[in-house]
Amino acid sequence: MPGSNPRFLAKAQGLAADEVFLDLEDSVAPLAKEDARKNVVAALREGDWSGKTVVVRVNDVTTPWAYRDVIEVVEGAGDRLHCVMLPKVQDPSAVTWLDTLLTQIERAVGLPVGRIGIEAQIENAKGLVRIDDIAASSPRLETLVFGPADFMASINMRTLVVGEQPPGYTEGDAYHYILMRILMAARSHDLQAVDGPYLQIHDVDGFRRVAGRAAALGFDGKWVLHPGQIEAANEVFSPSQEDYDHAELVLDAYDYYTTIERRGAVMLGDEMIDEASRKMALVVAAKGRAAGLARTGSFTPPTA
């Protein structure tokens, strides 16, 4: 939500999103940035953000606004803030700078040192090339976020539609390497991986299709820019009831066979399950539980 719009900041508090980020960067005009900081601090202090991860996106480190963004927001409402999002990260030193500044502010105002996390946006070729170093740059780092619009511009991709395949590209998915590179760096360092926005905000079917690509790869979520995209995002990143039930069944069956019958690989119907199956089922079951799904069946041990 743009920090320059108090009405949007208030509306965000009631939306069914897991995370809300209050923006001081691209959605705020240069002449409105100082007032936007005040709006964000007021919204954090006075609003009800229950049940949401609350993040503020500051301006990137090359701008004249970044340091004041961090200082004013964290001094004013650091106790209400979960993470600071740093855009256009192309070098680990940017994350290190933010980590150091956060530590100084936390110590100065009496906040627990290290509690505020960092989310890093990868938005150009330099950032992707350095992504492993970026992912390892700070213990505060929690999430790597793909920023498609700036990234597409940085590599001269010939399209004006953010997130869609560029015209003339018919060989597969133009974003597959980028998404997988971000995902591998995130998983190697126990970080979340989040896909960026789909700017055609009224094309919910298009959003669902593009979000499905990221969800299938294993991304943890995707940005939404409009309330109309929230339901589709929650649907896409949650497993189906059938897949969730099956994952829980695999976990129960594997537990029974390894502890009661002491076998490590068995058949569950027509499917062989083993330790690798258990790990895969854990992923789907965890997503289903997080989405609030309830089981519709249970495992019945075989009888003699």
Protein backbone atom coordinates (compact mmCIF):
# COMPACT_ATOMS: atom_id res chain seq x y z
CA MET A 1 0.00 0.00 0.00
CA PRO A 2 1.39 3.44 -0.92
CA GLY A 3 2.48 5.37 2.16
CA SER A 4 1.20 8.57 0.61
CA ASN A 5 -2.42 7.39 0.79
CA PRO A 6 -3.80 7.20 4.36
CA ARG A 7 -7.09 5.78 3.11
CA PHE A 8 -5.32 2.80 1.53
CA LEU A 9 -3.22 2.28 4.66
CA ALA A 10 -6.40 2.06 6.71
CA LYS A 11 -8.07 -0.29 4.22
CA ALA A 12 -5.09 -2.66 4.24
CA GLN A 13 -5.70 -3.52 7.88
CA GLY A 14 -8.90 -5.40 7.03
CA LEU A 15 -7.70 -7.35 4.00
CA ALA A 16 -7.23 -11.13 4.07
CA ALA A 17 -3.53 -10.96 3.21
CA ASP A 18 -0.80 -12.73 5.19
CA GLU A 19 1.56 -9.79 4.84
CA VAL A 20 1.07 -6.10 4.13
CA PHE A 21 3.90 -3.82 3.10
CA LEU A 22 3.56 -0.08 3.44
CA ASP A 23 5.48 1.48 0.60
CA LEU A 24 7.80 4.47 0.60
CA GLU A 25 9.42 3.63 -2.73
CA ASP A 26 8.01 3.37 -6.26
CA SER A 27 4.34 4.03 -5.43
CA VAL A 28 5.23 7.33 -3.71
CA ALA A 29 6.18 10.43 -5.71
CA PRO A 30 9.49 12.11 -4.75
CA LEU A 31 7.80 15.22 -3.34
CA ALA A 32 5.44 13.08 -1.22
CA LYS A 33 8.05 10.87 0.46
CA GLU A 34 8.52 12.90 3.63
CA ASP A 35 4.78 13.01 4.33
CA ALA A 36 4.52 9.33 3.44
CA ARG A 37 6.94 8.46 6.26
CA LYS A 38 4.71 10.26 8.73
CA ASN A 39 1.64 8.48 7.37
CA VAL A 40 3.32 5.09 7.69
CA VAL A 41 4.45 5.70 11.28
CA ALA A 42 0.94 6.85 12.21
CA ALA A 43 -0.65 3.82 10.54
CA LEU A 44 1.71 1.45 12.33
CA ARG A 45 1.14 3.06 15.71
CA GLU A 46 -2.61 3.60 15.48
CA GLY A 47 -3.78 0.76 13.23
CA ASP A 48 -4.82 -2.80 14.03
CA TRP A 49 -2.54 -5.15 12.11
CA SER A 50 -3.50 -8.29 14.02
CA GLY A 51 -2.71 -11.52 12.22
CA LYS A 52 -0.51 -9.91 9.59
CA THR A 53 3.20 -9.63 8.99
CA VAL A 54 3.80 -5.88 8.67
CA VAL A 55 6.63 -4.62 6.47
CA VAL A 56 7.76 -1.20 5.28
CA ARG A 57 9.52 -0.89 1.93
CA VAL A 58 12.09 1.89 2.07
CA ASN A 59 13.84 3.50 -0.88
CA ASP A 60 16.94 1.84 -2.27
CA VAL A 61 20.37 2.65 -0.87
CA THR A 62 21.44 4.77 -3.85
CA THR A 63 18.70 7.35 -3.19
CA PRO A 64 18.79 10.36 -0.83
CA TRP A 65 15.73 9.04 1.04
CA ALA A 66 16.80 5.60 2.22
CA TYR A 67 18.56 6.42 5.50
CA ARG A 68 15.82 8.81 6.66
CA ASP A 69 13.17 6.21 5.76
CA VAL A 70 14.78 3.65 8.05
CA ILE A 71 15.51 6.06 10.90
CA GLU A 72 12.09 7.72 11.03
CA VAL A 73 10.06 4.53 10.65
CA VAL A 74 12.05 2.41 13.11
CA GLU A 75 12.42 5.18 15.68
CA GLY A 76 8.73 6.01 15.35
CA ALA A 77 7.17 2.54 15.19
CA GLY A 78 9.88 -0.12 15.28
CA ASP A 79 8.02 -2.07 17.95
CA ARG A 80 5.10 -2.51 15.52
CA LEU A 81 7.26 -3.58 12.57
CA HIS A 82 8.26 -7.09 11.53
CA CYS A 83 10.55 -6.40 8.58
CA VAL A 84 12.07 -3.71 6.42
CA MET A 85 12.01 -4.40 2.69
CA LEU A 86 15.03 -3.20 0.75
CA PRO A 87 14.45 -2.78 -3.01
CA LYS A 88 16.87 -3.07 -5.92
CA VAL A 89 19.47 -5.07 -3.99
CA GLN A 90 22.36 -5.84 -6.28
CA ASP A 91 25.19 -6.29 -3.78
CA PRO A 92 25.39 -7.81 -0.28
CA SER A 93 26.78 -4.54 1.07
CA ALA A 94 23.32 -2.97 0.77
CA VAL A 95 21.85 -5.56 3.14
CA THR A 96 24.84 -5.19 5.47
CA TRP A 97 24.27 -1.42 5.55
CA LEU A 98 20.62 -1.88 6.50
CA ASP A 99 21.50 -4.47 9.15
CA THR A 100 24.03 -2.10 10.73
CA LEU A 101 21.65 0.87 10.70
CA LEU A 102 18.84 -1.20 12.22
CA THR A 103 21.15 -2.36 15.00
CA GLN A 104 22.19 1.21 15.79
CA ILE A 105 18.58 2.39 15.96
CA GLU A 106 17.42 -0.58 18.03
CA ARG A 107 20.15 0.07 20.58
CA ALA A 108 19.41 3.79 20.66
CA VAL A 109 15.68 3.41 21.32
CA GLY A 110 15.76 0.26 23.42
CA LEU A 111 14.34 -2.27 20.97
CA PRO A 112 15.52 -5.91 21.00
CA VAL A 113 18.56 -6.06 18.73
CA GLY A 114 17.99 -8.23 15.69
CA ARG A 115 14.21 -8.63 15.97
CA ILE A 116 13.38 -6.61 12.85
CA GLY A 117 13.95 -8.73 9.77
CA ILE A 118 14.96 -7.80 6.23
CA GLU A 119 13.35 -8.67 2.90
CA ALA A 120 15.54 -8.14 -0.18
CA GLN A 121 14.15 -7.48 -3.64
CA ILE A 122 16.10 -8.84 -6.61
CA GLU A 123 15.32 -6.46 -9.45
CA ASN A 124 18.19 -6.52 -11.92
CA ALA A 125 20.81 -8.74 -13.51
CA LYS A 126 23.52 -7.68 -11.05
CA GLY A 127 21.37 -8.72 -8.13
CA LEU A 128 20.65 -12.12 -9.63
CA VAL A 129 24.33 -12.76 -10.36
CA ARG A 130 25.21 -11.92 -6.72
CA ILE A 131 22.18 -13.62 -5.20
CA ASP A 132 24.05 -16.27 -3.22
CA ASP A 133 26.20 -13.61 -1.55
CA ILE A 134 23.10 -11.51 -0.91
CA ALA A 135 21.27 -14.48 0.62
CA ALA A 136 24.15 -15.03 3.05
CA SER A 137 24.69 -11.35 3.89
CA SER A 138 22.75 -10.99 7.17
CA PRO A 139 21.09 -13.14 9.84
CA ARG A 140 18.19 -10.68 9.68
CA LEU A 141 17.42 -11.66 6.10
CA GLU A 142 14.11 -13.54 5.89
CA THR A 143 12.90 -13.31 2.30
CA LEU A 144 14.09 -12.91 -1.28
CA VAL A 145 11.53 -11.19 -3.50
CA PHE A 146 11.47 -11.12 -7.30
CA GLY A 147 10.86 -7.63 -8.72
CA PRO A 148 9.78 -8.38 -12.29
CA ALA A 149 9.22 -4.90 -13.77
CA ASP A 150 12.64 -3.46 -12.99
CA PHE A 151 14.26 -6.79 -13.77
CA MET A 152 12.65 -7.01 -17.21
CA ALA A 153 13.85 -3.49 -17.98
CA SER A 154 17.36 -4.24 -16.71
CA ILE A 155 17.86 -7.10 -19.18
CA ASN A 156 16.14 -5.26 -22.07
CA MET A 157 13.28 -7.76 -22.24
CA ARG A 158 11.05 -6.66 -25.10
CA THR A 159 7.64 -6.39 -23.48
CA LEU A 160 5.43 -3.87 -21.68
CA VAL A 161 3.30 -6.39 -19.77
CA VAL A 162 4.84 -7.22 -16.40
CA GLY A 163 4.92 -10.92 -15.61
CA GLU A 164 3.69 -12.18 -18.97
CA GLN A 165 5.80 -13.92 -21.58
CA PRO A 166 7.47 -11.45 -23.97
CA PRO A 167 5.94 -11.38 -27.47
CA GLY A 168 7.75 -13.77 -29.77
CA TYR A 169 9.03 -16.02 -26.96
CA THR A 170 7.48 -19.42 -27.67
CA GLU A 171 10.11 -21.85 -26.39
CA GLY A 172 8.97 -22.16 -22.78
CA ASP A 173 8.93 -19.83 -19.77
CA ALA A 174 11.10 -16.72 -20.07
CA TYR A 175 11.17 -16.37 -16.26
CA HIS A 176 11.98 -19.97 -15.32
CA TYR A 177 15.71 -19.47 -14.82
CA ILE A 178 15.20 -16.27 -12.83
CA LEU A 179 12.60 -17.80 -10.53
CA MET A 180 14.59 -20.99 -9.99
CA ARG A 181 17.78 -19.04 -9.29
CA ILE A 182 16.01 -17.01 -6.61
CA LEU A 183 14.39 -20.15 -5.20
CA MET A 184 17.69 -22.07 -4.98
CA ALA A 185 19.42 -19.21 -3.17
CA ALA A 186 16.50 -18.85 -0.77
CA ARG A 187 16.28 -22.53 0.08
CA SER A 188 20.06 -22.83 0.44
CA HIS A 189 19.91 -20.24 3.22
CA ASP A 190 16.53 -21.16 4.78
CA LEU A 191 14.81 -18.05 3.40
CA GLN A 192 11.35 -17.50 1.96
CA ALA A 193 11.00 -16.93 -1.78
CA VAL A 194 8.21 -14.60 -2.94
CA ASP A 195 7.17 -13.79 -6.50
CA GLY A 196 6.52 -10.19 -7.46
CA PRO A 197 3.39 -8.45 -8.73
CA TYR A 198 1.14 -8.96 -11.73
CA LEU A 199 0.25 -5.47 -12.87
CA GLN A 200 -2.90 -6.28 -14.87
CA ILE A 201 -4.91 -5.99 -11.66
CA HIS A 202 -8.34 -6.72 -13.16
CA ASP A 203 -7.16 -9.82 -15.05
CA VAL A 204 -7.65 -12.29 -12.21
CA ASP A 205 -7.37 -15.31 -14.52
CA GLY A 206 -4.02 -14.02 -15.73
CA PHE A 207 -2.88 -13.49 -12.16
CA ARG A 208 -3.99 -17.01 -11.22
CA ARG A 209 -2.08 -18.49 -14.15
CA VAL A 210 1.16 -16.63 -13.38
CA ALA A 211 0.85 -17.27 -9.64
CA GLY A 212 0.35 -20.95 -10.37
CA ARG A 213 3.74 -21.07 -12.04
CA ALA A 214 5.49 -19.74 -8.93
CA ALA A 215 3.45 -21.93 -6.59
CA ALA A 216 4.26 -25.05 -8.62
CA LEU A 217 7.98 -24.33 -8.37
CA GLY A 218 7.78 -23.99 -4.59
CA PHE A 219 7.58 -20.24 -3.97
CA ASP A 220 6.00 -19.26 -0.67
CA GLY A 221 3.74 -16.55 -2.04
CA LYS A 222 3.16 -13.76 -4.53
CA TRP A 223 2.47 -10.07 -4.20
CA VAL A 224 -1.02 -8.75 -4.76
CA LEU A 225 -1.60 -5.15 -5.82
CA HIS A 226 -5.39 -5.13 -5.57
CA PRO A 227 -7.89 -6.72 -3.15
CA GLY A 228 -9.35 -8.60 -6.11
CA GLN A 229 -6.18 -10.66 -6.39
CA ILE A 230 -6.10 -11.83 -2.76
CA GLU A 231 -8.61 -14.68 -3.02
CA ALA A 232 -6.85 -16.05 -6.11
CA ALA A 233 -3.46 -15.89 -4.39
CA ASN A 234 -4.69 -17.70 -1.30
CA GLU A 235 -6.31 -20.34 -3.51
CA VAL A 236 -3.25 -20.90 -5.69
CA PHE A 237 -0.74 -21.15 -2.85
CA SER A 238 -2.90 -23.56 -0.85
CA PRO A 239 -2.96 -27.26 -1.76
CA SER A 240 -6.18 -28.82 -2.96
CA GLN A 241 -8.23 -30.72 -0.38
CA GLU A 242 -7.37 -33.96 -2.19
CA ASP A 243 -3.62 -33.29 -2.12
CA TYR A 244 -3.74 -32.22 1.52
CA ASP A 245 -5.66 -35.34 2.58
CA HIS A 246 -3.23 -37.54 0.67
CA ALA A 247 -0.19 -35.85 2.25
CA GLU A 248 -1.57 -36.43 5.75
CA LEU A 249 -2.33 -40.03 4.82
CA VAL A 250 1.24 -40.57 3.65
CA LEU A 251 2.59 -39.14 6.92
CA ASP A 252 0.36 -41.36 9.05
CA ALA A 253 1.09 -44.45 7.00
CA TYR A 254 4.82 -43.87 7.01
CA ASP A 255 4.82 -43.32 10.76
CA TYR A 256 2.88 -46.57 11.29
CA TYR A 257 5.03 -48.71 9.02
CA THR A 258 8.37 -47.40 10.32
CA THR A 259 7.49 -47.56 14.02
CA ILE A 260 5.05 -50.49 14.31
CA GLU A 261 6.14 -52.74 11.47
CA ARG A 262 9.66 -51.29 11.26
CA ARG A 263 9.73 -51.12 7.48
CA GLY A 264 11.24 -48.17 5.63
CA ALA A 265 9.63 -48.61 2.21
CA VAL A 266 6.08 -49.92 1.73
CA MET A 267 3.12 -49.74 -0.61
CA LEU A 268 0.23 -47.38 0.13
CA GLY A 269 -2.35 -48.53 -2.35
CA ASP A 270 -0.56 -48.40 -5.71
CA GLU A 271 2.09 -45.99 -4.44
CA MET A 272 5.44 -46.85 -2.89
CA ILE A 273 6.30 -44.54 0.01
CA ASP A 274 9.61 -44.07 1.79
CA GLU A 275 11.57 -41.34 3.57
CA ALA A 276 11.62 -39.14 0.47
CA SER A 277 7.84 -39.48 0.23
CA ARG A 278 7.55 -38.36 3.85
CA LYS A 279 9.59 -35.21 3.15
CA MET A 280 7.44 -34.32 0.15
CA ALA A 281 4.26 -34.94 2.14
CA LEU A 282 5.51 -32.69 4.94
CA VAL A 283 5.67 -29.76 2.50
CA VAL A 284 2.11 -30.20 1.26
CA ALA A 285 0.71 -30.94 4.73
CA ALA A 286 2.36 -27.84 6.18
CA LYS A 287 0.88 -25.64 3.46
CA GLY A 288 -2.54 -27.18 4.01
CA ARG A 289 -2.42 -26.67 7.76
CA ALA A 290 -1.29 -23.06 7.28
CA ALA A 291 -4.25 -22.53 4.95
CA GLY A 292 -6.62 -23.84 7.60
CA LEU A 293 -7.63 -27.02 5.77
CA ALA A 294 -9.20 -29.85 7.79
CA ARG A 295 -8.69 -33.53 7.03
CA THR A 296 -11.59 -35.44 5.51
CA GLY A 297 -10.16 -38.94 6.12
CA SER A 298 -7.68 -40.91 8.20
CA PHE A 299 -5.24 -43.78 7.90
CA THR A 300 -6.51 -47.19 8.93
CA PRO A 301 -3.75 -49.68 9.84
CA PRO A 302 -4.02 -53.01 8.02
CA THR A 303 -5.50 -55.93 9.91
CA ALA A 304 -3.94 -59.36 10.10
